[in-house]
PDB file of N, CA and C in Angstrom:
ATOM      1  N   MET A   1     102.687  65.898 -96.305  1.00  0.00           N
ATOM      2  CA  MET A   1     103.897  66.684 -96.481  1.00  0.00           C
ATOM      3  C   MET A   1     103.925  67.279 -97.878  1.00  0.00           C
ATOM      4  N   ALA A   2     104.384  68.481 -97.967  1.00  0.00           N
ATOM      5  CA  ALA A   2     104.524  69.138 -99.257  1.00  0.00           C
ATOM      6  C   ALA A   2     105.713  68.530 -99.986  1.00  0.00           C
ATOM      7  N   ALA A   3     105.631  68.449-101.279  1.00  0.00           N
ATOM      8  CA  ALA A   3     106.677  67.813-102.066  1.00  0.00           C
ATOM      9  C   ALA A   3     107.691  68.808-102.602  1.00  0.00           C
ATOM     10  N   SER A   4     107.678  70.026-102.118  1.00  0.00           N
ATOM     11  CA  SER A   4     108.615  71.032-102.614  1.00  0.00           C
ATOM     12  C   SER A   4     109.939  70.934-101.868  1.00  0.00           C
ATOM     13  N   SER A   5     110.925  71.723-102.332  1.00  0.00           N
ATOM     14  CA  SER A   5     112.225  71.716-101.674  1.00  0.00           C
ATOM     15  C   SER A   5     112.139  72.370-100.304  1.00  0.00           C
ATOM     16  N   LYS A   6     111.150  73.224-100.093  1.00  0.00           N
ATOM     17  CA  LYS A   6     110.927  73.823 -98.777  1.00  0.00           C
ATOM     18  C   LYS A   6     109.977  72.917 -98.016  1.00  0.00           C
ATOM     19  N   ARG A   7     110.511  71.887 -97.385  1.00  0.00           N
ATOM     20  CA  ARG A   7     109.680  70.913 -96.679  1.00  0.00           C
ATOM     21  C   ARG A   7     108.925  71.602 -95.556  1.00  0.00           C
ATOM     22  N   GLN A   8     107.634  71.366 -95.533  1.00  0.00           N
ATOM     23  CA  GLN A   8     106.773  72.015 -94.563  1.00  0.00           C
ATOM     24  C   GLN A   8     105.662  71.035 -94.210  1.00  0.00           C
ATOM     25  N   GLU A   9     105.422  70.837 -92.914  1.00  0.00           N
ATOM     26  CA  GLU A   9     104.332  69.969 -92.500  1.00  0.00           C
ATOM     27  C   GLU A   9     103.009  70.680 -92.733  1.00  0.00           C
ATOM     28  N   VAL A  10     102.075  69.976 -93.340  1.00  0.00           N
ATOM     29  CA  VAL A  10     100.760  70.535 -93.612  1.00  0.00           C
ATOM     30  C   VAL A  10      99.721  69.578 -93.038  1.00  0.00           C
ATOM     31  N   SER A  11      98.757  70.113 -92.306  1.00  0.00           N
ATOM     32  CA  SER A  11      97.712  69.277 -91.714  1.00  0.00           C
ATOM     33  C   SER A  11      96.743  68.823 -92.797  1.00  0.00           C
ATOM     34  N   GLU A  12      95.812  67.963 -92.406  1.00  0.00           N
ATOM     35  CA  GLU A  12      94.815  67.460 -93.353  1.00  0.00           C
ATOM     36  C   GLU A  12      93.929  68.573 -93.892  1.00  0.00           C
ATOM     37  N   THR A  13      93.795  69.665 -93.156  1.00  0.00           N
ATOM     38  CA  THR A  13      92.965  70.781 -93.603  1.00  0.00           C
ATOM     39  C   THR A  13      93.717  71.738 -94.522  1.00  0.00           C
ATOM     40  N   GLY A  14      95.013  71.494 -94.724  1.00  0.00           N
ATOM     41  CA  GLY A  14      95.798  72.338 -95.609  1.00  0.00           C
ATOM     42  C   GLY A  14      96.555  73.452 -94.927  1.00  0.00           C
ATOM     43  N   PHE A  15      96.468  73.542 -93.597  1.00  0.00           N
ATOM     44  CA  PHE A  15      97.179  74.581 -92.863  1.00  0.00           C
ATOM     45  C   PHE A  15      98.589  74.114 -92.531  1.00  0.00           C
ATOM     46  N   ALA A  16      99.538  75.016 -92.646  1.00  0.00           N
ATOM     47  CA  ALA A  16     100.919  74.698 -92.283  1.00  0.00           C
ATOM     48  C   ALA A  16     101.008  74.628 -90.761  1.00  0.00           C
ATOM     49  N   VAL A  17     101.544  73.531 -90.244  1.00  0.00           N
ATOM     50  CA  VAL A  17     101.688  73.370 -88.799  1.00  0.00           C
ATOM     51  C   VAL A  17     103.142  73.494 -88.359  1.00  0.00           C
ATOM     52  N   ARG A  18     104.035  73.704 -89.290  1.00  0.00           N
ATOM     53  CA  ARG A  18     105.449  73.933 -89.009  1.00  0.00           C
ATOM     54  C   ARG A  18     105.952  74.996 -89.962  1.00  0.00           C
ATOM     55  N   PRO A  19     106.893  75.806 -89.526  1.00  0.00           N
ATOM     56  CA  PRO A  19     107.450  76.809 -90.442  1.00  0.00           C
ATOM     57  C   PRO A  19     108.274  76.145 -91.535  1.00  0.00           C
ATOM     58  N   PRO A  20     108.384  76.774 -92.700  1.00  0.00           N
ATOM     59  CA  PRO A  20     109.211  76.207 -93.766  1.00  0.00           C
ATOM     60  C   PRO A  20     110.679  76.165 -93.347  1.00  0.00           C
ATOM     61  N   PHE A  21     111.421  75.300 -93.999  1.00  0.00           N
ATOM     62  CA  PHE A  21     112.845  75.160 -93.700  1.00  0.00           C
ATOM     63  C   PHE A  21     113.537  76.522 -93.834  1.00  0.00           C
ATOM     64  N   GLY A  22     114.349  76.868 -92.866  1.00  0.00           N
ATOM     65  CA  GLY A  22     115.064  78.143 -92.895  1.00  0.00           C
ATOM     66  C   GLY A  22     114.275  79.320 -92.357  1.00  0.00           C
ATOM     67  N   LYS A  23     113.046  79.101 -91.929  1.00  0.00           N
ATOM     68  CA  LYS A  23     112.205  80.191 -91.415  1.00  0.00           C
ATOM     69  C   LYS A  23     111.811  79.971 -89.957  1.00  0.00           C
ATOM     70  N   ARG A  24     112.574  79.150 -89.233  1.00  0.00           N
ATOM     71  CA  ARG A  24     112.339  78.978 -87.797  1.00  0.00           C
ATOM     72  C   ARG A  24     112.928  80.156 -87.043  1.00  0.00           C
ATOM     73  N   PHE A  25     112.510  80.316 -85.809  1.00  0.00           N
ATOM     74  CA  PHE A  25     112.980  81.418 -84.966  1.00  0.00           C
ATOM     75  C   PHE A  25     114.487  81.285 -84.764  1.00  0.00           C
ATOM     76  N   PRO A  26     115.276  82.263 -85.239  1.00  0.00           N
ATOM     77  CA  PRO A  26     116.743  82.171 -85.174  1.00  0.00           C
ATOM     78  C   PRO A  26     117.288  82.710 -83.843  1.00  0.00           C
ATOM     79  N   SER A  27     117.396  81.863 -82.850  1.00  0.00           N
ATOM     80  CA  SER A  27     117.779  82.298 -81.499  1.00  0.00           C
ATOM     81  C   SER A  27     119.115  83.032 -81.467  1.00  0.00           C
ATOM     82  N   ARG A  28     120.101  82.554 -82.218  1.00  0.00           N
ATOM     83  CA  ARG A  28     121.410  83.228 -82.220  1.00  0.00           C
ATOM     84  C   ARG A  28     121.316  84.637 -82.791  1.00  0.00           C
ATOM     85  N   ASP A  29     120.594  84.782 -83.890  1.00  0.00           N
ATOM     86  CA  ASP A  29     120.435  86.100 -84.501  1.00  0.00           C
ATOM     87  C   ASP A  29     119.667  87.046 -83.580  1.00  0.00           C
ATOM     88  N   VAL A  30     118.676  86.518 -82.887  1.00  0.00           N
ATOM     89  CA  VAL A  30     117.884  87.344 -81.977  1.00  0.00           C
ATOM     90  C   VAL A  30     118.735  87.781 -80.789  1.00  0.00           C
ATOM     91  N   ALA A  31     119.573  86.896 -80.273  1.00  0.00           N
ATOM     92  CA  ALA A  31     120.479  87.281 -79.180  1.00  0.00           C
ATOM     93  C   ALA A  31     121.421  88.392 -79.637  1.00  0.00           C
ATOM     94  N   ALA A  32     121.885  88.320 -80.879  1.00  0.00           N
ATOM     95  CA  ALA A  32     122.746  89.380 -81.418  1.00  0.00           C
ATOM     96  C   ALA A  32     121.979  90.698 -81.534  1.00  0.00           C
ATOM     97  N   ILE A  33     120.720  90.641 -81.915  1.00  0.00           N
ATOM     98  CA  ILE A  33     119.883  91.840 -81.994  1.00  0.00           C
ATOM     99  C   ILE A  33     119.735  92.465 -80.603  1.00  0.00           C
ATOM    100  N   ILE A  34     119.490  91.641 -79.604  1.00  0.00           N
ATOM    101  CA  ILE A  34     119.343  92.147 -78.236  1.00  0.00           C
ATOM    102  C   ILE A  34     120.632  92.836 -77.786  1.00  0.00           C
ATOM    103  N   ARG A  35     121.784  92.222 -78.065  1.00  0.00           N
ATOM    104  CA  ARG A  35     123.071  92.835 -77.697  1.00  0.00           C
ATOM    105  C   ARG A  35     123.259  94.177 -78.396  1.00  0.00           C
ATOM    106  N   GLU A  36     122.891  94.267 -79.677  1.00  0.00           N
ATOM    107  CA  GLU A  36     123.022  95.530 -80.415  1.00  0.00           C
ATOM    108  C   GLU A  36     122.136  96.618 -79.819  1.00  0.00           C
ATOM    109  N   VAL A  37     120.907  96.253 -79.473  1.00  0.00           N
ATOM    110  CA  VAL A  37     119.990  97.234 -78.881  1.00  0.00           C
ATOM    111  C   VAL A  37     120.525  97.696 -77.532  1.00  0.00           C
ATOM    112  N   PHE A  38     121.029  96.765 -76.720  1.00  0.00           N
ATOM    113  CA  PHE A  38     121.638  97.148 -75.440  1.00  0.00           C
ATOM    114  C   PHE A  38     122.760  98.152 -75.671  1.00  0.00           C
ATOM    115  N   LYS A  39     123.626  97.833 -76.615  1.00  0.00           N
ATOM    116  CA  LYS A  39     124.778  98.698 -76.873  1.00  0.00           C
ATOM    117  C   LYS A  39     124.329 100.100 -77.290  1.00  0.00           C
ATOM    118  N   LEU A  40     123.377 100.173 -78.214  1.00  0.00           N
ATOM    119  CA  LEU A  40     122.894 101.476 -78.675  1.00  0.00           C
ATOM    120  C   LEU A  40     122.205 102.266 -77.565  1.00  0.00           C
ATOM    121  N   ARG A  41     121.336 101.606 -76.814  1.00  0.00           N
ATOM    122  CA  ARG A  41     120.551 102.297 -75.791  1.00  0.00           C
ATOM    123  C   ARG A  41     121.384 102.694 -74.583  1.00  0.00           C
ATOM    124  N   LEU A  42     122.261 101.799 -74.136  1.00  0.00           N
ATOM    125  CA  LEU A  42     122.973 102.048 -72.884  1.00  0.00           C
ATOM    126  C   LEU A  42     124.224 102.880 -73.063  1.00  0.00           C
ATOM    127  N   GLU A  43     124.798 102.902 -74.276  1.00  0.00           N
ATOM    128  CA  GLU A  43     125.938 103.788 -74.499  1.00  0.00           C
ATOM    129  C   GLU A  43     125.487 105.237 -74.605  1.00  0.00           C
ATOM    130  N   SER A  44     124.320 105.457 -75.207  1.00  0.00           N
ATOM    131  CA  SER A  44     123.840 106.827 -75.368  1.00  0.00           C
ATOM    132  C   SER A  44     123.252 107.385 -74.071  1.00  0.00           C
ATOM    133  N   ASN A  45     122.700 106.516 -73.221  1.00  0.00           N
ATOM    134  CA  ASN A  45     122.105 106.962 -71.962  1.00  0.00           C
ATOM    135  C   ASN A  45     122.338 105.896 -70.892  1.00  0.00           C
ATOM    136  N   PRO A  46     123.487 105.942 -70.208  1.00  0.00           N
ATOM    137  CA  PRO A  46     123.792 104.896 -69.234  1.00  0.00           C
ATOM    138  C   PRO A  46     123.026 105.023 -67.918  1.00  0.00           C
ATOM    139  N   ASP A  47     122.232 106.069 -67.753  1.00  0.00           N
ATOM    140  CA  ASP A  47     121.475 106.275 -66.521  1.00  0.00           C
ATOM    141  C   ASP A  47     120.072 105.691 -66.648  1.00  0.00           C
ATOM    142  N   TYR A  48     119.485 105.382 -65.514  1.00  0.00           N
ATOM    143  CA  TYR A  48     118.130 104.845 -65.476  1.00  0.00           C
ATOM    144  C   TYR A  48     117.113 105.949 -65.710  1.00  0.00           C
ATOM    145  N   ASP A  49     116.100 105.632 -66.485  1.00  0.00           N
ATOM    146  CA  ASP A  49     114.910 106.479 -66.543  1.00  0.00           C
ATOM    147  C   ASP A  49     113.709 105.550 -66.639  1.00  0.00           C
ATOM    148  N   GLN A  50     112.547 106.047 -66.317  1.00  0.00           N
ATOM    149  CA  GLN A  50     111.378 105.182 -66.189  1.00  0.00           C
ATOM    150  C   GLN A  50     110.942 104.538 -67.495  1.00  0.00           C
ATOM    151  N   ASP A  51     111.337 105.073 -68.631  1.00  0.00           N
ATOM    152  CA  ASP A  51     110.934 104.513 -69.920  1.00  0.00           C
ATOM    153  C   ASP A  51     112.013 103.643 -70.554  1.00  0.00           C
ATOM    154  N   LEU A  52     113.113 103.401 -69.865  1.00  0.00           N
ATOM    155  CA  LEU A  52     114.223 102.658 -70.455  1.00  0.00           C
ATOM    156  C   LEU A  52     113.827 101.236 -70.834  1.00  0.00           C
ATOM    157  N   GLY A  53     113.183 100.523 -69.921  1.00  0.00           N
ATOM    158  CA  GLY A  53     112.772  99.146 -70.218  1.00  0.00           C
ATOM    159  C   GLY A  53     111.811  99.077 -71.390  1.00  0.00           C
ATOM    160  N   TYR A  54     110.839  99.993 -71.404  1.00  0.00           N
ATOM    161  CA  TYR A  54     109.865 100.030 -72.499  1.00  0.00           C
ATOM    162  C   TYR A  54     110.544 100.314 -73.837  1.00  0.00           C
ATOM    163  N   SER A  55     111.454 101.273 -73.858  1.00  0.00           N
ATOM    164  CA  SER A  55     112.094 101.631 -75.131  1.00  0.00           C
ATOM    165  C   SER A  55     113.006 100.510 -75.627  1.00  0.00           C
ATOM    166  N   ILE A  56     113.681  99.815 -74.721  1.00  0.00           N
ATOM    167  CA  ILE A  56     114.506  98.677 -75.143  1.00  0.00           C
ATOM    168  C   ILE A  56     113.624  97.573 -75.709  1.00  0.00           C
ATOM    169  N   ALA A  57     112.530  97.249 -75.028  1.00  0.00           N
ATOM    170  CA  ALA A  57     111.614  96.212 -75.500  1.00  0.00           C
ATOM    171  C   ALA A  57     111.030  96.573 -76.867  1.00  0.00           C
ATOM    172  N   ARG A  58     110.638  97.826 -77.033  1.00  0.00           N
ATOM    173  CA  ARG A  58     110.074  98.279 -78.313  1.00  0.00           C
ATOM    174  C   ARG A  58     111.104  98.150 -79.439  1.00  0.00           C
ATOM    175  N   ASP A  59     112.356  98.562 -79.158  1.00  0.00           N
ATOM    176  CA  ASP A  59     113.400  98.468 -80.187  1.00  0.00           C
ATOM    177  C   ASP A  59     113.681  97.021 -80.577  1.00  0.00           C
ATOM    178  N   ILE A  60     113.724  96.129 -79.593  1.00  0.00           N
ATOM    179  CA  ILE A  60     113.953  94.712 -79.885  1.00  0.00           C
ATOM    180  C   ILE A  60     112.804  94.165 -80.715  1.00  0.00           C
ATOM    181  N   ARG A  61     111.568  94.469 -80.306  1.00  0.00           N
ATOM    182  CA  ARG A  61     110.400  93.987 -81.048  1.00  0.00           C
ATOM    183  C   ARG A  61     110.405  94.482 -82.497  1.00  0.00           C
ATOM    184  N   ASP A  62     110.723  95.760 -82.687  1.00  0.00           N
ATOM    185  CA  ASP A  62     110.759  96.306 -84.042  1.00  0.00           C
ATOM    186  C   ASP A  62     111.824  95.624 -84.895  1.00  0.00           C
ATOM    187  N   ARG A  63     112.970  95.337 -84.298  1.00  0.00           N
ATOM    188  CA  ARG A  63     114.032  94.643 -85.039  1.00  0.00           C
ATOM    189  C   ARG A  63     113.622  93.209 -85.358  1.00  0.00           C
ATOM    190  N   LEU A  64     112.868  92.553 -84.463  1.00  0.00           N
ATOM    191  CA  LEU A  64     112.387  91.198 -84.736  1.00  0.00           C
ATOM    192  C   LEU A  64     111.413  91.196 -85.915  1.00  0.00           C
ATOM    193  N   LYS A  65     110.579  92.212 -85.981  1.00  0.00           N
ATOM    194  CA  LYS A  65     109.629  92.307 -87.095  1.00  0.00           C
ATOM    195  C   LYS A  65     110.347  92.438 -88.437  1.00  0.00           C
ATOM    196  N   GLU A  66     111.535  93.054 -88.423  1.00  0.00           N
ATOM    197  CA  GLU A  66     112.310  93.193 -89.655  1.00  0.00           C
ATOM    198  C   GLU A  66     112.817  91.845 -90.177  1.00  0.00           C
ATOM    199  N   LEU A  67     112.860  90.820 -89.326  1.00  0.00           N
ATOM    200  CA  LEU A  67     113.264  89.481 -89.780  1.00  0.00           C
ATOM    201  C   LEU A  67     112.235  88.870 -90.731  1.00  0.00           C
ATOM    202  N   GLU A  68     111.000  89.365 -90.657  1.00  0.00           N
ATOM    203  CA  GLU A  68     109.902  88.917 -91.515  1.00  0.00           C
ATOM    204  C   GLU A  68     109.721  87.407 -91.509  1.00  0.00           C
ATOM    205  N   LEU A  69     109.661  86.832 -90.314  1.00  0.00           N
ATOM    206  CA  LEU A  69     109.365  85.413 -90.190  1.00  0.00           C
ATOM    207  C   LEU A  69     107.854  85.240 -90.280  1.00  0.00           C
ATOM    208  N   PRO A  70     107.376  84.462 -91.242  1.00  0.00           N
ATOM    209  CA  PRO A  70     105.929  84.347 -91.424  1.00  0.00           C
ATOM    210  C   PRO A  70     105.259  83.630 -90.254  1.00  0.00           C
ATOM    211  N   ARG A  71     104.144  84.178 -89.798  1.00  0.00           N
ATOM    212  CA  ARG A  71     103.259  83.579 -88.807  1.00  0.00           C
ATOM    213  C   ARG A  71     103.858  83.470 -87.412  1.00  0.00           C
ATOM    214  N   TYR A  72     104.859  84.269 -87.100  1.00  0.00           N
ATOM    215  CA  TYR A  72     105.411  84.285 -85.750  1.00  0.00           C
ATOM    216  C   TYR A  72     104.852  85.473 -84.972  1.00  0.00           C
ATOM    217  N   LYS A  73     104.541  85.243 -83.719  1.00  0.00           N
ATOM    218  CA  LYS A  73     104.127  86.280 -82.781  1.00  0.00           C
ATOM    219  C   LYS A  73     105.308  86.500 -81.847  1.00  0.00           C
ATOM    220  N   TYR A  74     105.702  87.748 -81.656  1.00  0.00           N
ATOM    221  CA  TYR A  74     106.859  88.065 -80.827  1.00  0.00           C
ATOM    222  C   TYR A  74     106.422  88.640 -79.489  1.00  0.00           C
ATOM    223  N   MET A  75     107.133  88.241 -78.443  1.00  0.00           N
ATOM    224  CA  MET A  75     106.937  88.802 -77.113  1.00  0.00           C
ATOM    225  C   MET A  75     108.314  89.147 -76.562  1.00  0.00           C
ATOM    226  N   VAL A  76     108.434  90.310 -75.981  1.00  0.00           N
ATOM    227  CA  VAL A  76     109.713  90.756 -75.438  1.00  0.00           C
ATOM    228  C   VAL A  76     109.486  91.210 -74.003  1.00  0.00           C
ATOM    229  N   GLN A  77     110.319  90.703 -73.103  1.00  0.00           N
ATOM    230  CA  GLN A  77     110.253  91.085 -71.700  1.00  0.00           C
ATOM    231  C   GLN A  77     111.608  91.661 -71.307  1.00  0.00           C
ATOM    232  N   VAL A  78     111.601  92.834 -70.695  1.00  0.00           N
ATOM    233  CA  VAL A  78     112.839  93.494 -70.281  1.00  0.00           C
ATOM    234  C   VAL A  78     112.739  93.849 -68.803  1.00  0.00           C
ATOM    235  N   VAL A  79     113.794  93.553 -68.062  1.00  0.00           N
ATOM    236  CA  VAL A  79     113.882  93.902 -66.649  1.00  0.00           C
ATOM    237  C   VAL A  79     115.079  94.824 -66.482  1.00  0.00           C
ATOM    238  N   VAL A  80     114.843  95.988 -65.878  1.00  0.00           N
ATOM    239  CA  VAL A  80     115.901  96.969 -65.635  1.00  0.00           C
ATOM    240  C   VAL A  80     115.934  97.244 -64.136  1.00  0.00           C
ATOM    241  N   GLY A  81     117.136  97.283 -63.579  1.00  0.00           N
ATOM    242  CA  GLY A  81     117.244  97.564 -62.154  1.00  0.00           C
ATOM    243  C   GLY A  81     118.560  98.230 -61.807  1.00  0.00           C
ATOM    244  N   GLU A  82     118.624  98.724 -60.586  1.00  0.00           N
ATOM    245  CA  GLU A  82     119.827  99.379 -60.105  1.00  0.00           C
ATOM    246  C   GLU A  82     120.877  98.333 -59.758  1.00  0.00           C
ATOM    247  N   ASN A  83     122.103  98.566 -60.173  1.00  0.00           N
ATOM    248  CA  ASN A  83     123.217  97.680 -59.854  1.00  0.00           C
ATOM    249  C   ASN A  83     123.890  98.212 -58.591  1.00  0.00           C
ATOM    250  N   SER A  84     123.476  97.664 -57.452  1.00  0.00           N
ATOM    251  CA  SER A  84     124.025  98.148 -56.184  1.00  0.00           C
ATOM    252  C   SER A  84     124.784  97.046 -55.448  1.00  0.00           C
ATOM    253  N   GLY A  85     125.250  96.052 -56.183  1.00  0.00           N
ATOM    254  CA  GLY A  85     126.066  95.012 -55.591  1.00  0.00           C
ATOM    255  C   GLY A  85     125.320  93.759 -55.185  1.00  0.00           C
ATOM    256  N   GLU A  86     124.002  93.795 -55.114  1.00  0.00           N
ATOM    257  CA  GLU A  86     123.252  92.591 -54.796  1.00  0.00           C
ATOM    258  C   GLU A  86     123.040  91.770 -56.057  1.00  0.00           C
ATOM    259  N   GLY A  87     122.694  90.524 -55.891  1.00  0.00           N
ATOM    260  CA  GLY A  87     122.399  89.667 -57.032  1.00  0.00           C
ATOM    261  C   GLY A  87     120.915  89.666 -57.335  1.00  0.00           C
ATOM    262  N   VAL A  88     120.590  89.305 -58.531  1.00  0.00           N
ATOM    263  CA  VAL A  88     119.190  89.173 -58.929  1.00  0.00           C
ATOM    264  C   VAL A  88     119.095  88.016 -59.914  1.00  0.00           C
ATOM    265  N   ARG A  89     117.994  87.327 -59.879  1.00  0.00           N
ATOM    266  CA  ARG A  89     117.755  86.228 -60.798  1.00  0.00           C
ATOM    267  C   ARG A  89     116.401  86.459 -61.450  1.00  0.00           C
ATOM    268  N   VAL A  90     116.373  86.401 -62.762  1.00  0.00           N
ATOM    269  CA  VAL A  90     115.142  86.629 -63.516  1.00  0.00           C
ATOM    270  C   VAL A  90     114.776  85.332 -64.213  1.00  0.00           C
ATOM    271  N   GLY A  91     113.527  84.946 -64.106  1.00  0.00           N
ATOM    272  CA  GLY A  91     113.084  83.710 -64.750  1.00  0.00           C
ATOM    273  C   GLY A  91     111.727  83.893 -65.385  1.00  0.00           C
ATOM    274  N   THR A  92     111.395  82.982 -66.263  1.00  0.00           N
ATOM    275  CA  THR A  92     110.096  83.006 -66.923  1.00  0.00           C
ATOM    276  C   THR A  92     109.704  81.582 -67.264  1.00  0.00           C
ATOM    277  N   ARG A  93     108.443  81.382 -67.506  1.00  0.00           N
ATOM    278  CA  ARG A  93     107.959  80.046 -67.832  1.00  0.00           C
ATOM    279  C   ARG A  93     106.893  80.172 -68.916  1.00  0.00           C
ATOM    280  N   CYS A  94     106.967  79.298 -69.910  1.00  0.00           N
ATOM    281  CA  CYS A  94     106.005  79.316 -71.013  1.00  0.00           C
ATOM    282  C   CYS A  94     105.675  77.891 -71.422  1.00  0.00           C
ATOM    283  N   LEU A  95     104.527  77.731 -72.010  1.00  0.00           N
ATOM    284  CA  LEU A  95     104.168  76.471 -72.661  1.00  0.00           C
ATOM    285  C   LEU A  95     104.193  76.720 -74.155  1.00  0.00           C
ATOM    286  N   TRP A  96     104.910  75.863 -74.880  1.00  0.00           N
ATOM    287  CA  TRP A  96     104.983  76.057 -76.314  1.00  0.00           C
ATOM    288  C   TRP A  96     105.419  74.788 -77.005  1.00  0.00           C
ATOM    289  N   ASP A  97     105.483  74.853 -78.314  1.00  0.00           N
ATOM    290  CA  ASP A  97     105.914  73.733 -79.143  1.00  0.00           C
ATOM    291  C   ASP A  97     107.409  73.894 -79.395  1.00  0.00           C
ATOM    292  N   ALA A  98     108.201  73.040 -78.799  1.00  0.00           N
ATOM    293  CA  ALA A  98     109.658  73.166 -78.891  1.00  0.00           C
ATOM    294  C   ALA A  98     110.191  72.991 -80.313  1.00  0.00           C
ATOM    295  N   SER A  99     109.416  72.389 -81.196  1.00  0.00           N
ATOM    296  CA  SER A  99     109.884  72.191 -82.567  1.00  0.00           C
ATOM    297  C   SER A  99     109.680  73.420 -83.452  1.00  0.00           C
ATOM    298  N   THR A 100     108.858  74.382 -83.013  1.00  0.00           N
ATOM    299  CA  THR A 100     108.604  75.563 -83.841  1.00  0.00           C
ATOM    300  C   THR A 100     108.921  76.873 -83.131  1.00  0.00           C
ATOM    301  N   ASP A 101     108.716  76.927 -81.836  1.00  0.00           N
ATOM    302  CA  ASP A 101     108.875  78.166 -81.084  1.00  0.00           C
ATOM    303  C   ASP A 101     110.311  78.303 -80.588  1.00  0.00           C
ATOM    304  N   GLY A 102     110.689  79.524 -80.237  1.00  0.00           N
ATOM    305  CA  GLY A 102     112.042  79.741 -79.758  1.00  0.00           C
ATOM    306  C   GLY A 102     112.151  80.962 -78.876  1.00  0.00           C
ATOM    307  N   MET A 103     113.315  81.101 -78.257  1.00  0.00           N
ATOM    308  CA  MET A 103     113.560  82.256 -77.405  1.00  0.00           C
ATOM    309  C   MET A 103     115.037  82.559 -77.373  1.00  0.00           C
ATOM    310  N   ALA A 104     115.339  83.797 -77.004  1.00  0.00           N
ATOM    311  CA  ALA A 104     116.721  84.239 -76.836  1.00  0.00           C
ATOM    312  C   ALA A 104     116.742  85.192 -75.651  1.00  0.00           C
ATOM    313  N   HIS A 105     117.851  85.225 -74.957  1.00  0.00           N
ATOM    314  CA  HIS A 105     117.966  86.130 -73.818  1.00  0.00           C
ATOM    315  C   HIS A 105     119.393  86.632 -73.700  1.00  0.00           C
ATOM    316  N   GLU A 106     119.514  87.811 -73.172  1.00  0.00           N
ATOM    317  CA  GLU A 106     120.818  88.443 -72.938  1.00  0.00           C
ATOM    318  C   GLU A 106     120.707  89.318 -71.701  1.00  0.00           C
ATOM    319  N   SER A 107     121.836  89.494 -71.033  1.00  0.00           N
ATOM    320  CA  SER A 107     121.919  90.388 -69.877  1.00  0.00           C
ATOM    321  C   SER A 107     123.126  91.292 -70.036  1.00  0.00           C
ATOM    322  N   MET A 108     123.023  92.466 -69.438  1.00  0.00           N
ATOM    323  CA  MET A 108     124.127  93.419 -69.485  1.00  0.00           C
ATOM    324  C   MET A 108     124.133  94.195 -68.175  1.00  0.00           C
ATOM    325  N   THR A 109     125.317  94.435 -67.663  1.00  0.00           N
ATOM    326  CA  THR A 109     125.427  95.232 -66.453  1.00  0.00           C
ATOM    327  C   THR A 109     126.399  96.376 -66.684  1.00  0.00           C
ATOM    328  N   SER A 110     126.159  97.444 -65.989  1.00  0.00           N
ATOM    329  CA  SER A 110     127.073  98.581 -65.992  1.00  0.00           C
ATOM    330  C   SER A 110     127.317  98.956 -64.532  1.00  0.00           C
ATOM    331  N   ASP A 111     128.036 100.032 -64.300  1.00  0.00           N
ATOM    332  CA  ASP A 111     128.287 100.471 -62.931  1.00  0.00           C
ATOM    333  C   ASP A 111     126.997 100.882 -62.221  1.00  0.00           C
ATOM    334  N   LYS A 112     126.006 101.340 -62.994  1.00  0.00           N
ATOM    335  CA  LYS A 112     124.794 101.884 -62.396  1.00  0.00           C
ATOM    336  C   LYS A 112     123.582 100.964 -62.456  1.00  0.00           C
ATOM    337  N   LEU A 113     123.469 100.143 -63.511  1.00  0.00           N
ATOM    338  CA  LEU A 113     122.262  99.337 -63.644  1.00  0.00           C
ATOM    339  C   LEU A 113     122.521  98.012 -64.335  1.00  0.00           C
ATOM    340  N   PHE A 114     121.509  97.137 -64.276  1.00  0.00           N
ATOM    341  CA  PHE A 114     121.532  95.870 -65.006  1.00  0.00           C
ATOM    342  C   PHE A 114     120.291  95.817 -65.891  1.00  0.00           C
ATOM    343  N   VAL A 115     120.416  95.123 -67.000  1.00  0.00           N
ATOM    344  CA  VAL A 115     119.300  94.949 -67.928  1.00  0.00           C
ATOM    345  C   VAL A 115     119.297  93.499 -68.380  1.00  0.00           C
ATOM    346  N   THR A 116     118.134  92.867 -68.332  1.00  0.00           N
ATOM    347  CA  THR A 116     117.944  91.524 -68.849  1.00  0.00           C
ATOM    348  C   THR A 116     116.781  91.569 -69.826  1.00  0.00           C
ATOM    349  N   ALA A 117     116.976  90.979 -71.006  1.00  0.00           N
ATOM    350  CA  ALA A 117     115.902  90.951 -72.005  1.00  0.00           C
ATOM    351  C   ALA A 117     115.704  89.521 -72.476  1.00  0.00           C
ATOM    352  N   MET A 118     114.434  89.152 -72.647  1.00  0.00           N
ATOM    353  CA  MET A 118     114.063  87.854 -73.185  1.00  0.00           C
ATOM    354  C   MET A 118     113.113  88.089 -74.354  1.00  0.00           C
ATOM    355  N   ALA A 119     113.407  87.457 -75.474  1.00  0.00           N
ATOM    356  CA  ALA A 119     112.542  87.579 -76.645  1.00  0.00           C
ATOM    357  C   ALA A 119     112.034  86.197 -77.016  1.00  0.00           C
ATOM    358  N   PHE A 120     110.733  86.098 -77.226  1.00  0.00           N
ATOM    359  CA  PHE A 120     110.089  84.827 -77.546  1.00  0.00           C
ATOM    360  C   PHE A 120     109.452  84.920 -78.925  1.00  0.00           C
ATOM    361  N   GLY A 121     109.561  83.865 -79.693  1.00  0.00           N
ATOM    362  CA  GLY A 121     108.890  83.774 -80.980  1.00  0.00           C
ATOM    363  C   GLY A 121     107.997  82.552 -80.971  1.00  0.00           C
ATOM    364  N   VAL A 122     106.694  82.754 -81.096  1.00  0.00           N
ATOM    365  CA  VAL A 122     105.716  81.652 -81.047  1.00  0.00           C
ATOM    366  C   VAL A 122     105.069  81.547 -82.433  1.00  0.00           C
ATOM    367  N   TYR A 123     105.154  80.353 -83.012  1.00  0.00           N
ATOM    368  CA  TYR A 123     104.582  80.101 -84.341  1.00  0.00           C
ATOM    369  C   TYR A 123     103.086  79.870 -84.226  1.00  0.00           C
ATOM    370  N   LEU A 124     102.318  80.603 -85.013  1.00  0.00           N
ATOM    371  CA  LEU A 124     100.858  80.472 -84.995  1.00  0.00           C
ATOM    372  C   LEU A 124     100.416  79.490 -86.068  1.00  0.00           C
ATOM    373  N   TYR A 125      99.823  78.356 -85.654  1.00  0.00           N
ATOM    374  CA  TYR A 125      99.306  77.450 -86.663  1.00  0.00           C
ATOM    375  C   TYR A 125      97.847  77.598 -86.821  1.00  0.00           C
TER     376      TYR A 125
END
């Protein structure tokens, strides 16, 4: 263990195996980012187009990069569909280290469509 105020687990080879204190994936902040992107994208263009999911995912990913979390790899999955009164359930499955990795998800519906986004942050050791 490092003896600094920023406690960080270090392996015998000297590599950090845990993010420093305060630099873990902030799920609440990421969920807020997803909500902001939804608001910006869907208020300006509430109709479906074929690039909507891609542009939302790209915007979320770019905003995650602005967090500047060291050694995190980001993955963003967005599902967009027509809101025609039926239900839909979106799920995903991952293997990861629960002590370092994290995820956030948000959904939004309008009269015309639904959008679900999931953002994952995986710490690279």
